[in-house]
Amino acid sequence: MQVSVIITCHNYARYLARALRSAINQSVNKNEYEVIVVDDASTDETQLVMEAFKGHIKPIILKKNLGLAAARNKGIRSSLGRYVVNLDADDYMDENLILVESMFLNSNPSWDAVSCDYIVVDDDENHIERVNGDELPIACGVMFRTDRLFEVGLYDEKFKMREEEDLRIRFQKDHMIRNIELPLYRYRRHGNNMTKNKKAMKEFAKFLKTKHNNE
């Protein structure tokens, strides 16, 4: 197995099918990758959407809401891929993301992970802006060598937000992330993005600073 795509979902049923279609309809052979969907104790129709894609996905159903970092770790621990890439349930991928990013990792043994540029879209999938994935990194659309993630201890589950910033800090101490200037990921901006919670974002920014200042 070459690549594991990990989608975590908590009450994003209305977006999930779009994310799943983009993950399933990649331009590489189906036996080269798997799609793992972690339902983090959703209370909406998430499991009904997952059922509609039965046979195309590897489902993980959590009975208790553990948070994004813990849900991602569940997906990574169950993955079979040489590489892992996260896809948020409210986002979607270009059909060539797996092909391009895995090709770069296969061709560059010194690269431990590869990111890409992304396009911010609205609820109707209209393009708002293109963003450089190196200058303004996000958690998803980044393909990691799976063993490197285990080396750094995966995501810190104490973080309910900014978990990707903490992981990147720890990862880049010993490992290299390179960016491909191709817009292969679509980041959906809407009223319910987790980053809209300014209070929690500020709280975990302080937690992040305290943790790494003490190291």
N, C-alpha and C. Protein backbone atom coordinates (compact mmCIF):
# COMPACT_ATOMS: atom_id res chain seq x y z
N MET A 1 0.85 -1.20 0.00
CA MET A 1 0.00 0.00 0.00
C MET A 1 0.88 1.25 0.00
N GLN A 2 0.66 2.12 -0.96
CA GLN A 2 1.50 3.31 -1.09
C GLN A 2 1.06 4.46 -0.19
N VAL A 3 -0.24 4.80 -0.20
CA VAL A 3 -0.72 6.00 0.50
C VAL A 3 -2.00 5.70 1.28
N SER A 4 -2.08 6.28 2.47
CA SER A 4 -3.31 6.26 3.26
C SER A 4 -3.85 7.68 3.37
N VAL A 5 -5.07 7.89 2.90
CA VAL A 5 -5.75 9.17 3.05
C VAL A 5 -6.61 9.07 4.30
N ILE A 6 -6.42 10.01 5.23
CA ILE A 6 -7.17 9.96 6.49
C ILE A 6 -8.09 11.16 6.59
N ILE A 7 -9.38 10.86 6.68
CA ILE A 7 -10.41 11.89 6.83
C ILE A 7 -11.02 11.76 8.22
N THR A 8 -10.95 12.83 9.01
CA THR A 8 -11.63 12.84 10.29
C THR A 8 -12.87 13.70 10.17
N CYS A 9 -13.95 13.25 10.80
CA CYS A 9 -15.22 13.97 10.65
C CYS A 9 -15.95 14.04 11.99
N HIS A 10 -16.34 15.23 12.35
CA HIS A 10 -17.24 15.44 13.51
C HIS A 10 -18.33 16.42 13.08
N ASN A 11 -19.50 15.86 12.81
CA ASN A 11 -20.68 16.65 12.44
C ASN A 11 -20.49 17.50 11.18
N TYR A 12 -19.78 16.94 10.21
CA TYR A 12 -19.61 17.59 8.92
C TYR A 12 -20.23 16.74 7.80
N ALA A 13 -21.33 16.08 8.10
CA ALA A 13 -21.95 15.19 7.12
C ALA A 13 -22.28 15.92 5.82
N ARG A 14 -22.66 17.19 5.92
CA ARG A 14 -23.08 17.93 4.73
C ARG A 14 -21.93 18.14 3.74
N TYR A 15 -20.69 18.05 4.22
CA TYR A 15 -19.53 18.23 3.36
C TYR A 15 -18.82 16.90 3.03
N LEU A 16 -19.08 15.89 3.82
CA LEU A 16 -18.27 14.67 3.76
C LEU A 16 -18.28 13.99 2.40
N ALA A 17 -19.42 13.91 1.75
CA ALA A 17 -19.49 13.22 0.47
C ALA A 17 -18.55 13.85 -0.56
N ARG A 18 -18.45 15.17 -0.55
CA ARG A 18 -17.55 15.85 -1.50
C ARG A 18 -16.10 15.48 -1.21
N ALA A 19 -15.73 15.46 0.06
CA ALA A 19 -14.37 15.06 0.43
C ALA A 19 -14.10 13.62 0.00
N LEU A 20 -15.06 12.75 0.23
CA LEU A 20 -14.88 11.33 -0.11
C LEU A 20 -14.77 11.12 -1.61
N ARG A 21 -15.60 11.83 -2.39
CA ARG A 21 -15.50 11.68 -3.84
C ARG A 21 -14.12 12.09 -4.34
N SER A 22 -13.58 13.17 -3.76
CA SER A 22 -12.27 13.63 -4.21
C SER A 22 -11.18 12.64 -3.83
N ALA A 23 -11.35 11.97 -2.70
CA ALA A 23 -10.34 11.00 -2.25
C ALA A 23 -10.44 9.69 -3.03
N ILE A 24 -11.63 9.30 -3.35
CA ILE A 24 -11.84 8.03 -4.04
C ILE A 24 -11.50 8.13 -5.53
N ASN A 25 -11.75 9.29 -6.12
CA ASN A 25 -11.54 9.46 -7.56
C ASN A 25 -10.17 10.03 -7.90
N GLN A 26 -9.14 9.50 -7.27
CA GLN A 26 -7.78 9.93 -7.57
C GLN A 26 -7.28 9.26 -8.85
N SER A 27 -6.29 9.88 -9.47
CA SER A 27 -5.81 9.43 -10.79
C SER A 27 -4.75 8.33 -10.70
N VAL A 28 -4.72 7.62 -9.60
CA VAL A 28 -3.81 6.49 -9.45
C VAL A 28 -4.63 5.21 -9.28
N ASN A 29 -3.96 4.10 -9.46
CA ASN A 29 -4.63 2.81 -9.34
C ASN A 29 -5.22 2.64 -7.95
N LYS A 30 -6.43 2.12 -7.87
CA LYS A 30 -7.14 1.98 -6.60
C LYS A 30 -6.40 1.12 -5.58
N ASN A 31 -5.58 0.19 -6.06
CA ASN A 31 -4.87 -0.67 -5.10
C ASN A 31 -3.61 -0.02 -4.54
N GLU A 32 -3.33 1.23 -4.96
CA GLU A 32 -2.15 1.92 -4.46
C GLU A 32 -2.45 2.78 -3.23
N TYR A 33 -3.74 2.96 -2.89
CA TYR A 33 -4.06 3.80 -1.74
C TYR A 33 -5.35 3.35 -1.07
N GLU A 34 -5.53 3.79 0.17
CA GLU A 34 -6.74 3.50 0.94
C GLU A 34 -7.29 4.81 1.49
N VAL A 35 -8.59 4.81 1.76
CA VAL A 35 -9.24 5.99 2.34
C VAL A 35 -9.82 5.58 3.69
N ILE A 36 -9.27 6.14 4.75
CA ILE A 36 -9.71 5.84 6.12
C ILE A 36 -10.56 7.01 6.60
N VAL A 37 -11.77 6.71 7.08
CA VAL A 37 -12.66 7.75 7.59
C VAL A 37 -12.90 7.51 9.08
N VAL A 38 -12.53 8.49 9.88
CA VAL A 38 -12.70 8.39 11.33
C VAL A 38 -13.87 9.29 11.73
N ASP A 39 -14.96 8.67 12.17
CA ASP A 39 -16.11 9.43 12.65
C ASP A 39 -15.90 9.68 14.14
N ASP A 40 -15.63 10.93 14.49
CA ASP A 40 -15.33 11.29 15.87
C ASP A 40 -16.62 11.56 16.65
N ALA A 41 -17.42 10.49 16.79
CA ALA A 41 -18.67 10.54 17.57
C ALA A 41 -19.61 11.63 17.08
N SER A 42 -19.84 11.66 15.79
CA SER A 42 -20.76 12.65 15.21
C SER A 42 -22.19 12.36 15.65
N THR A 43 -22.99 13.41 15.71
CA THR A 43 -24.41 13.25 16.07
C THR A 43 -25.31 13.62 14.89
N ASP A 44 -24.72 13.86 13.72
CA ASP A 44 -25.51 14.16 12.53
C ASP A 44 -25.56 12.92 11.64
N GLU A 45 -25.65 13.10 10.32
CA GLU A 45 -25.82 11.97 9.40
C GLU A 45 -24.50 11.42 8.86
N THR A 46 -23.41 11.67 9.57
CA THR A 46 -22.09 11.24 9.10
C THR A 46 -22.04 9.76 8.77
N GLN A 47 -22.59 8.92 9.64
CA GLN A 47 -22.51 7.48 9.39
C GLN A 47 -23.36 7.06 8.20
N LEU A 48 -24.42 7.76 7.91
CA LEU A 48 -25.22 7.46 6.73
C LEU A 48 -24.42 7.77 5.47
N VAL A 49 -23.69 8.88 5.48
CA VAL A 49 -22.84 9.21 4.34
C VAL A 49 -21.76 8.16 4.17
N MET A 50 -21.15 7.76 5.27
CA MET A 50 -20.11 6.73 5.21
C MET A 50 -20.66 5.42 4.65
N GLU A 51 -21.87 5.09 5.03
CA GLU A 51 -22.49 3.86 4.55
C GLU A 51 -22.69 3.90 3.04
N ALA A 52 -22.97 5.07 2.50
CA ALA A 52 -23.16 5.22 1.06
C ALA A 52 -21.87 4.93 0.29
N PHE A 53 -20.73 5.06 0.96
CA PHE A 53 -19.43 4.82 0.32
C PHE A 53 -18.82 3.49 0.78
N LYS A 54 -19.66 2.63 1.34
CA LYS A 54 -19.20 1.33 1.82
C LYS A 54 -18.51 0.57 0.69
N GLY A 55 -17.39 -0.04 1.02
CA GLY A 55 -16.62 -0.76 0.02
C GLY A 55 -15.50 0.08 -0.57
N HIS A 56 -15.61 1.40 -0.42
CA HIS A 56 -14.59 2.30 -0.94
C HIS A 56 -13.74 2.90 0.18
N ILE A 57 -14.22 2.75 1.42
CA ILE A 57 -13.53 3.36 2.55
C ILE A 57 -13.30 2.34 3.66
N LYS A 58 -12.38 2.69 4.53
CA LYS A 58 -12.12 1.91 5.74
C LYS A 58 -12.65 2.75 6.91
N PRO A 59 -13.82 2.36 7.48
CA PRO A 59 -14.44 3.20 8.51
C PRO A 59 -13.92 2.91 9.92
N ILE A 60 -13.78 3.97 10.70
CA ILE A 60 -13.49 3.85 12.12
C ILE A 60 -14.52 4.71 12.85
N ILE A 61 -15.31 4.08 13.72
CA ILE A 61 -16.37 4.78 14.44
C ILE A 61 -15.97 4.93 15.90
N LEU A 62 -15.83 6.16 16.35
CA LEU A 62 -15.50 6.43 17.75
C LEU A 62 -16.78 6.69 18.52
N LYS A 63 -16.93 6.05 19.66
CA LYS A 63 -18.14 6.20 20.47
C LYS A 63 -18.12 7.47 21.29
N LYS A 64 -16.91 7.99 21.56
CA LYS A 64 -16.75 9.20 22.34
C LYS A 64 -15.96 10.22 21.55
N ASN A 65 -16.37 11.47 21.62
CA ASN A 65 -15.66 12.52 20.89
C ASN A 65 -14.29 12.76 21.52
N LEU A 66 -13.24 12.46 20.76
CA LEU A 66 -11.87 12.55 21.27
C LEU A 66 -11.14 13.80 20.84
N GLY A 67 -11.66 14.49 19.83
CA GLY A 67 -10.97 15.66 19.30
C GLY A 67 -10.17 15.31 18.07
N LEU A 68 -9.81 16.33 17.31
CA LEU A 68 -9.17 16.14 16.01
C LEU A 68 -7.84 15.42 16.10
N ALA A 69 -6.98 15.82 17.05
CA ALA A 69 -5.65 15.21 17.15
C ALA A 69 -5.75 13.71 17.45
N ALA A 70 -6.59 13.35 18.40
CA ALA A 70 -6.74 11.94 18.76
C ALA A 70 -7.39 11.14 17.62
N ALA A 71 -8.35 11.75 16.93
CA ALA A 71 -9.00 11.06 15.81
C ALA A 71 -8.01 10.82 14.68
N ARG A 72 -7.15 11.80 14.41
CA ARG A 72 -6.13 11.61 13.38
C ARG A 72 -5.17 10.49 13.78
N ASN A 73 -4.79 10.47 15.05
CA ASN A 73 -3.89 9.41 15.50
C ASN A 73 -4.52 8.03 15.33
N LYS A 74 -5.82 7.92 15.59
CA LYS A 74 -6.52 6.65 15.37
C LYS A 74 -6.39 6.22 13.92
N GLY A 75 -6.58 7.17 13.02
CA GLY A 75 -6.47 6.86 11.59
C GLY A 75 -5.07 6.46 11.20
N ILE A 76 -4.07 7.19 11.69
CA ILE A 76 -2.68 6.88 11.35
C ILE A 76 -2.29 5.50 11.86
N ARG A 77 -2.70 5.18 13.09
CA ARG A 77 -2.34 3.88 13.67
C ARG A 77 -2.97 2.72 12.93
N SER A 78 -4.08 2.96 12.24
CA SER A 78 -4.73 1.87 11.50
C SER A 78 -4.33 1.86 10.03
N SER A 79 -3.47 2.79 9.63
CA SER A 79 -3.13 2.92 8.21
C SER A 79 -2.13 1.86 7.76
N LEU A 80 -2.20 1.53 6.49
CA LEU A 80 -1.29 0.56 5.89
C LEU A 80 -0.31 1.21 4.92
N GLY A 81 -0.51 2.50 4.66
CA GLY A 81 0.28 3.17 3.64
C GLY A 81 1.70 3.51 4.06
N ARG A 82 2.56 3.52 3.08
CA ARG A 82 3.93 4.00 3.28
C ARG A 82 3.92 5.48 3.58
N TYR A 83 2.94 6.18 3.00
CA TYR A 83 2.76 7.61 3.21
C TYR A 83 1.35 7.87 3.75
N VAL A 84 1.21 8.99 4.47
CA VAL A 84 -0.09 9.39 5.03
C VAL A 84 -0.37 10.83 4.64
N VAL A 85 -1.61 11.11 4.25
CA VAL A 85 -2.03 12.49 3.97
C VAL A 85 -3.40 12.71 4.60
N ASN A 86 -3.55 13.84 5.30
CA ASN A 86 -4.82 14.18 5.93
C ASN A 86 -5.69 15.00 4.98
N LEU A 87 -6.99 14.72 5.06
CA LEU A 87 -7.99 15.49 4.32
C LEU A 87 -9.11 15.83 5.29
N ASP A 88 -9.36 17.12 5.51
CA ASP A 88 -10.46 17.51 6.38
C ASP A 88 -11.79 17.21 5.70
N ALA A 89 -12.79 16.86 6.50
CA ALA A 89 -14.08 16.44 5.97
C ALA A 89 -14.81 17.55 5.22
N ASP A 90 -14.45 18.80 5.49
CA ASP A 90 -15.11 19.92 4.80
C ASP A 90 -14.30 20.45 3.62
N ASP A 91 -13.19 19.78 3.32
CA ASP A 91 -12.34 20.18 2.19
C ASP A 91 -12.39 19.11 1.11
N TYR A 92 -11.58 19.30 0.04
CA TYR A 92 -11.45 18.27 -0.98
C TYR A 92 -10.13 18.43 -1.71
N MET A 93 -9.78 17.40 -2.49
CA MET A 93 -8.47 17.35 -3.12
C MET A 93 -8.58 17.34 -4.64
N ASP A 94 -7.56 17.84 -5.29
CA ASP A 94 -7.42 17.68 -6.73
C ASP A 94 -7.20 16.20 -7.02
N GLU A 95 -7.67 15.74 -8.17
CA GLU A 95 -7.57 14.31 -8.49
C GLU A 95 -6.13 13.82 -8.64
N ASN A 96 -5.19 14.73 -8.77
CA ASN A 96 -3.79 14.33 -8.95
C ASN A 96 -2.93 14.50 -7.70
N LEU A 97 -3.54 14.82 -6.57
CA LEU A 97 -2.73 15.07 -5.37
C LEU A 97 -1.90 13.84 -4.99
N ILE A 98 -2.51 12.68 -4.91
CA ILE A 98 -1.77 11.48 -4.51
C ILE A 98 -0.67 11.17 -5.52
N LEU A 99 -1.00 11.26 -6.80
CA LEU A 99 -0.02 10.96 -7.85
C LEU A 99 1.20 11.87 -7.73
N VAL A 100 0.97 13.17 -7.64
CA VAL A 100 2.08 14.13 -7.65
C VAL A 100 2.90 14.05 -6.37
N GLU A 101 2.23 14.09 -5.22
CA GLU A 101 2.98 14.13 -3.97
C GLU A 101 3.74 12.82 -3.72
N SER A 102 3.13 11.69 -4.02
CA SER A 102 3.84 10.42 -3.82
C SER A 102 5.01 10.30 -4.80
N MET A 103 4.86 10.84 -6.00
CA MET A 103 5.95 10.81 -6.98
C MET A 103 7.15 11.61 -6.45
N PHE A 104 6.89 12.76 -5.85
CA PHE A 104 7.97 13.57 -5.31
C PHE A 104 8.67 12.87 -4.15
N LEU A 105 7.90 12.21 -3.28
CA LEU A 105 8.52 11.50 -2.16
C LEU A 105 9.30 10.29 -2.66
N ASN A 106 8.76 9.58 -3.65
CA ASN A 106 9.47 8.43 -4.21
C ASN A 106 10.78 8.85 -4.87
N SER A 107 10.79 10.03 -5.45
CA SER A 107 11.96 10.48 -6.21
C SER A 107 12.98 11.23 -5.36
N ASN A 108 12.57 11.60 -4.13
CA ASN A 108 13.46 12.37 -3.26
C ASN A 108 13.54 11.73 -1.88
N PRO A 109 14.40 10.74 -1.70
CA PRO A 109 14.48 10.02 -0.42
C PRO A 109 14.80 10.91 0.78
N SER A 110 15.40 12.08 0.55
CA SER A 110 15.75 12.96 1.66
C SER A 110 14.55 13.79 2.13
N TRP A 111 13.47 13.80 1.37
CA TRP A 111 12.28 14.54 1.77
C TRP A 111 11.46 13.66 2.72
N ASP A 112 11.12 14.19 3.88
CA ASP A 112 10.34 13.42 4.85
C ASP A 112 8.85 13.67 4.71
N ALA A 113 8.50 14.78 4.11
CA ALA A 113 7.10 15.12 3.86
C ALA A 113 7.04 16.14 2.74
N VAL A 114 5.89 16.22 2.09
CA VAL A 114 5.73 17.20 1.01
C VAL A 114 4.35 17.83 1.13
N SER A 115 4.34 19.17 1.05
CA SER A 115 3.08 19.91 1.06
C SER A 115 2.83 20.48 -0.34
N CYS A 116 1.72 21.17 -0.49
CA CYS A 116 1.40 21.77 -1.78
C CYS A 116 0.71 23.10 -1.56
N ASP A 117 0.60 23.90 -2.59
CA ASP A 117 -0.22 25.10 -2.50
C ASP A 117 -1.68 24.68 -2.44
N TYR A 118 -2.53 25.60 -2.00
CA TYR A 118 -3.95 25.27 -1.91
C TYR A 118 -4.80 26.46 -2.33
N ILE A 119 -6.03 26.17 -2.70
CA ILE A 119 -6.97 27.21 -3.10
C ILE A 119 -8.07 27.29 -2.06
N VAL A 120 -8.30 28.49 -1.56
CA VAL A 120 -9.41 28.72 -0.64
C VAL A 120 -10.68 28.86 -1.46
N VAL A 121 -11.71 28.10 -1.07
CA VAL A 121 -12.99 28.14 -1.79
C VAL A 121 -14.11 28.50 -0.81
N ASP A 122 -15.23 28.96 -1.33
CA ASP A 122 -16.37 29.24 -0.47
C ASP A 122 -17.30 28.03 -0.46
N ASP A 123 -18.46 28.19 0.16
CA ASP A 123 -19.39 27.07 0.29
C ASP A 123 -19.87 26.53 -1.05
N ASP A 124 -19.84 27.38 -2.09
CA ASP A 124 -20.26 26.95 -3.42
C ASP A 124 -19.08 26.53 -4.29
N GLU A 125 -17.93 26.39 -3.67
CA GLU A 125 -16.70 25.95 -4.34
C GLU A 125 -16.15 26.97 -5.33
N ASN A 126 -16.54 28.23 -5.17
CA ASN A 126 -15.94 29.29 -5.96
C ASN A 126 -14.55 29.58 -5.40
N HIS A 127 -13.58 29.77 -6.29
CA HIS A 127 -12.21 30.03 -5.86
C HIS A 127 -12.09 31.46 -5.32
N ILE A 128 -11.52 31.60 -4.12
CA ILE A 128 -11.33 32.90 -3.49
C ILE A 128 -9.90 33.38 -3.66
N GLU A 129 -8.94 32.50 -3.33
CA GLU A 129 -7.54 32.87 -3.45
C GLU A 129 -6.66 31.63 -3.47
N ARG A 130 -5.49 31.76 -4.07
CA ARG A 130 -4.48 30.71 -4.04
C ARG A 130 -3.46 31.06 -2.95
N VAL A 131 -3.06 30.04 -2.17
CA VAL A 131 -2.17 30.27 -1.05
C VAL A 131 -0.95 29.36 -1.17
N ASN A 132 0.22 29.91 -0.88
CA ASN A 132 1.46 29.14 -0.88
C ASN A 132 1.49 28.27 0.38
N GLY A 133 1.59 26.96 0.20
CA GLY A 133 1.55 26.03 1.31
C GLY A 133 2.76 26.07 2.22
N ASP A 134 3.82 26.72 1.77
CA ASP A 134 5.01 26.88 2.60
C ASP A 134 4.91 28.14 3.44
N GLU A 135 4.36 29.19 2.88
CA GLU A 135 4.24 30.46 3.59
C GLU A 135 3.11 30.44 4.62
N LEU A 136 1.98 29.82 4.28
CA LEU A 136 0.85 29.70 5.19
C LEU A 136 0.43 28.23 5.26
N PRO A 137 1.18 27.41 6.00
CA PRO A 137 0.91 25.97 6.02
C PRO A 137 -0.40 25.62 6.73
N ILE A 138 -1.01 24.55 6.27
CA ILE A 138 -2.17 23.96 6.93
C ILE A 138 -1.88 22.50 7.20
N ALA A 139 -2.76 21.86 7.96
CA ALA A 139 -2.50 20.47 8.37
C ALA A 139 -2.72 19.48 7.24
N CYS A 140 -3.62 19.81 6.33
CA CYS A 140 -4.03 18.84 5.33
C CYS A 140 -3.36 19.08 3.98
N GLY A 141 -3.40 18.04 3.15
CA GLY A 141 -2.73 18.12 1.86
C GLY A 141 -1.24 17.93 1.97
N VAL A 142 -0.75 17.60 3.18
CA VAL A 142 0.66 17.34 3.41
C VAL A 142 0.86 15.84 3.48
N MET A 143 1.72 15.30 2.63
CA MET A 143 1.97 13.86 2.62
C MET A 143 3.24 13.57 3.41
N PHE A 144 3.08 12.79 4.47
CA PHE A 144 4.19 12.43 5.34
C PHE A 144 4.64 10.99 5.09
N ARG A 145 5.92 10.74 5.28
CA ARG A 145 6.36 9.36 5.41
C ARG A 145 5.83 8.87 6.76
N THR A 146 5.07 7.79 6.74
CA THR A 146 4.37 7.34 7.94
C THR A 146 5.32 7.06 9.09
N ASP A 147 6.44 6.44 8.80
CA ASP A 147 7.38 6.12 9.88
C ASP A 147 7.93 7.36 10.55
N ARG A 148 8.03 8.47 9.82
CA ARG A 148 8.52 9.71 10.41
C ARG A 148 7.51 10.27 11.42
N LEU A 149 6.22 10.11 11.12
CA LEU A 149 5.20 10.56 12.08
C LEU A 149 5.29 9.78 13.38
N PHE A 150 5.51 8.48 13.27
CA PHE A 150 5.66 7.68 14.49
C PHE A 150 6.92 8.08 15.26
N GLU A 151 7.96 8.45 14.54
CA GLU A 151 9.20 8.86 15.19
C GLU A 151 9.00 10.08 16.08
N VAL A 152 8.13 11.01 15.66
CA VAL A 152 7.92 12.23 16.45
C VAL A 152 6.76 12.09 17.44
N GLY A 153 6.13 10.92 17.47
CA GLY A 153 5.09 10.67 18.46
C GLY A 153 3.69 11.03 18.04
N LEU A 154 3.46 11.18 16.73
CA LEU A 154 2.15 11.53 16.19
C LEU A 154 1.66 12.87 16.75
N TYR A 155 0.35 13.09 16.69
CA TYR A 155 -0.21 14.35 17.18
C TYR A 155 -0.32 14.34 18.70
N ASP A 156 -0.07 15.48 19.31
CA ASP A 156 -0.23 15.62 20.76
C ASP A 156 -1.72 15.79 21.05
N GLU A 157 -2.31 14.80 21.70
CA GLU A 157 -3.76 14.78 21.88
C GLU A 157 -4.26 15.77 22.92
N LYS A 158 -3.34 16.45 23.60
CA LYS A 158 -3.76 17.50 24.53
C LYS A 158 -4.22 18.75 23.78
N PHE A 159 -3.80 18.86 22.49
CA PHE A 159 -4.21 20.01 21.68
C PHE A 159 -5.57 19.74 21.04
N LYS A 160 -6.54 20.59 21.35
CA LYS A 160 -7.85 20.51 20.69
C LYS A 160 -7.89 21.42 19.46
N MET A 161 -6.95 22.33 19.39
CA MET A 161 -6.72 23.18 18.22
C MET A 161 -5.22 23.43 18.12
N ARG A 162 -4.78 23.88 16.96
CA ARG A 162 -3.36 24.14 16.69
C ARG A 162 -2.48 22.89 16.83
N GLU A 163 -3.11 21.73 16.73
CA GLU A 163 -2.35 20.48 16.80
C GLU A 163 -1.39 20.34 15.63
N GLU A 164 -1.76 20.93 14.48
CA GLU A 164 -0.88 20.83 13.31
C GLU A 164 0.36 21.70 13.48
N GLU A 165 0.22 22.83 14.20
CA GLU A 165 1.38 23.69 14.44
C GLU A 165 2.37 23.00 15.37
N ASP A 166 1.83 22.36 16.40
CA ASP A 166 2.70 21.62 17.32
C ASP A 166 3.42 20.49 16.61
N LEU A 167 2.69 19.73 15.79
CA LEU A 167 3.32 18.62 15.06
C LEU A 167 4.42 19.13 14.14
N ARG A 168 4.14 20.21 13.42
CA ARG A 168 5.12 20.74 12.48
C ARG A 168 6.40 21.20 13.19
N ILE A 169 6.25 21.84 14.35
CA ILE A 169 7.42 22.26 15.11
C ILE A 169 8.28 21.06 15.49
N ARG A 170 7.63 20.02 16.02
CA ARG A 170 8.37 18.83 16.43
C ARG A 170 8.96 18.09 15.22
N PHE A 171 8.17 18.01 14.15
CA PHE A 171 8.60 17.29 12.96
C PHE A 171 9.83 17.93 12.33
N GLN A 172 9.82 19.25 12.24
CA GLN A 172 10.89 19.93 11.51
C GLN A 172 12.18 20.09 12.32
N LYS A 173 12.18 19.62 13.53
CA LYS A 173 13.44 19.63 14.29
C LYS A 173 14.45 18.67 13.66
N ASP A 174 13.94 17.56 13.16
CA ASP A 174 14.84 16.55 12.58
C ASP A 174 14.48 16.14 11.17
N HIS A 175 13.32 16.62 10.67
CA HIS A 175 12.83 16.15 9.37
C HIS A 175 12.50 17.32 8.45
N MET A 176 12.51 17.04 7.16
CA MET A 176 12.33 18.07 6.15
C MET A 176 10.95 17.99 5.49
N ILE A 177 10.27 19.13 5.40
CA ILE A 177 9.03 19.26 4.64
C ILE A 177 9.31 20.19 3.46
N ARG A 178 9.07 19.72 2.25
CA ARG A 178 9.26 20.55 1.05
C ARG A 178 7.89 20.84 0.44
N ASN A 179 7.78 21.99 -0.19
CA ASN A 179 6.50 22.39 -0.79
C ASN A 179 6.55 22.34 -2.31
N ILE A 180 5.47 21.82 -2.90
CA ILE A 180 5.31 21.81 -4.35
C ILE A 180 4.38 22.96 -4.73
N GLU A 181 4.83 23.81 -5.62
CA GLU A 181 4.01 24.98 -5.98
C GLU A 181 2.97 24.62 -7.04
N LEU A 182 2.11 23.71 -6.65
CA LEU A 182 0.93 23.33 -7.44
C LEU A 182 -0.27 23.36 -6.50
N PRO A 183 -1.38 23.96 -6.89
CA PRO A 183 -2.55 24.07 -6.01
C PRO A 183 -3.40 22.78 -6.05
N LEU A 184 -2.99 21.81 -5.27
CA LEU A 184 -3.61 20.48 -5.32
C LEU A 184 -4.64 20.24 -4.22
N TYR A 185 -4.85 21.23 -3.36
CA TYR A 185 -5.77 21.06 -2.23
C TYR A 185 -6.77 22.21 -2.24
N ARG A 186 -8.00 21.92 -1.79
CA ARG A 186 -9.05 22.94 -1.71
C ARG A 186 -9.48 23.09 -0.25
N TYR A 187 -9.24 24.27 0.29
CA TYR A 187 -9.60 24.57 1.68
C TYR A 187 -10.89 25.36 1.68
N ARG A 188 -11.94 24.79 2.26
CA ARG A 188 -13.26 25.42 2.23
C ARG A 188 -13.40 26.38 3.42
N ARG A 189 -13.71 27.63 3.11
CA ARG A 189 -13.95 28.63 4.15
C ARG A 189 -15.45 28.79 4.34
N HIS A 190 -15.90 28.58 5.58
CA HIS A 190 -17.32 28.70 5.88
C HIS A 190 -17.51 29.13 7.33
N GLY A 191 -18.72 29.34 7.73
CA GLY A 191 -19.00 29.89 9.05
C GLY A 191 -18.68 28.98 10.21
N ASN A 192 -18.49 27.68 9.93
CA ASN A 192 -18.26 26.73 11.02
C ASN A 192 -16.84 26.18 11.06
N ASN A 193 -15.90 26.81 10.36
CA ASN A 193 -14.50 26.38 10.47
C ASN A 193 -14.07 26.44 11.93
N MET A 194 -13.31 25.44 12.36
CA MET A 194 -12.84 25.41 13.75
C MET A 194 -12.03 26.66 14.10
N THR A 195 -11.31 27.19 13.13
CA THR A 195 -10.46 28.35 13.39
C THR A 195 -11.26 29.62 13.66
N LYS A 196 -12.59 29.56 13.46
CA LYS A 196 -13.43 30.72 13.76
C LYS A 196 -13.59 30.92 15.27
N ASN A 197 -13.27 29.87 16.04
CA ASN A 197 -13.37 29.96 17.50
C ASN A 197 -12.14 30.69 18.03
N LYS A 198 -12.24 32.02 18.07
CA LYS A 198 -11.08 32.85 18.42
C LYS A 198 -10.59 32.60 19.84
N LYS A 199 -11.51 32.38 20.76
CA LYS A 199 -11.13 32.17 22.16
C LYS A 199 -10.29 30.90 22.30
N ALA A 200 -10.75 29.81 21.70
CA ALA A 200 -10.01 28.55 21.79
C ALA A 200 -8.69 28.63 21.04
N MET A 201 -8.68 29.30 19.89
CA MET A 201 -7.44 29.46 19.14
C MET A 201 -6.40 30.22 19.97
N LYS A 202 -6.85 31.25 20.67
CA LYS A 202 -5.94 32.04 21.51
C LYS A 202 -5.43 31.21 22.68
N GLU A 203 -6.34 30.43 23.27
CA GLU A 203 -5.97 29.58 24.41
C GLU A 203 -4.89 28.57 24.03
N PHE A 204 -5.07 27.93 22.88
CA PHE A 204 -4.10 26.90 22.48
C PHE A 204 -2.84 27.51 21.87
N ALA A 205 -2.90 28.76 21.45
CA ALA A 205 -1.68 29.47 21.04
C ALA A 205 -0.78 29.66 22.25
N LYS A 206 -1.38 30.00 23.39
CA LYS A 206 -0.61 30.14 24.62
C LYS A 206 -0.03 28.80 25.06
N PHE A 207 -0.85 27.74 24.93
CA PHE A 207 -0.40 26.40 25.30
C PHE A 207 0.77 25.97 24.42
N LEU A 208 0.68 26.28 23.13
CA LEU A 208 1.74 25.94 22.19
C LEU A 208 3.04 26.66 22.56
N LYS A 209 2.92 27.95 22.85
CA LYS A 209 4.10 28.74 23.20
C LYS A 209 4.73 28.23 24.49
N THR A 210 3.91 27.94 25.48
CA THR A 210 4.43 27.44 26.76
C THR A 210 5.13 26.11 26.60
N LYS A 211 4.52 25.22 25.83
CA LYS A 211 5.12 23.90 25.63
C LYS A 211 6.49 23.98 25.00
N HIS A 212 6.62 24.75 23.96
CA HIS A 212 7.88 24.76 23.22
C HIS A 212 8.92 25.72 23.81
N ASN A 213 8.48 26.66 24.62
CA ASN A 213 9.44 27.50 25.34
C ASN A 213 10.12 26.72 26.46
N ASN A 214 9.44 25.67 26.94
CA ASN A 214 9.97 24.88 28.04
C ASN A 214 10.83 23.71 27.57
N GLU A 215 10.93 23.53 26.26
CA GLU A 215 11.71 22.40 25.75
C GLU A 215 13.18 22.76 25.56
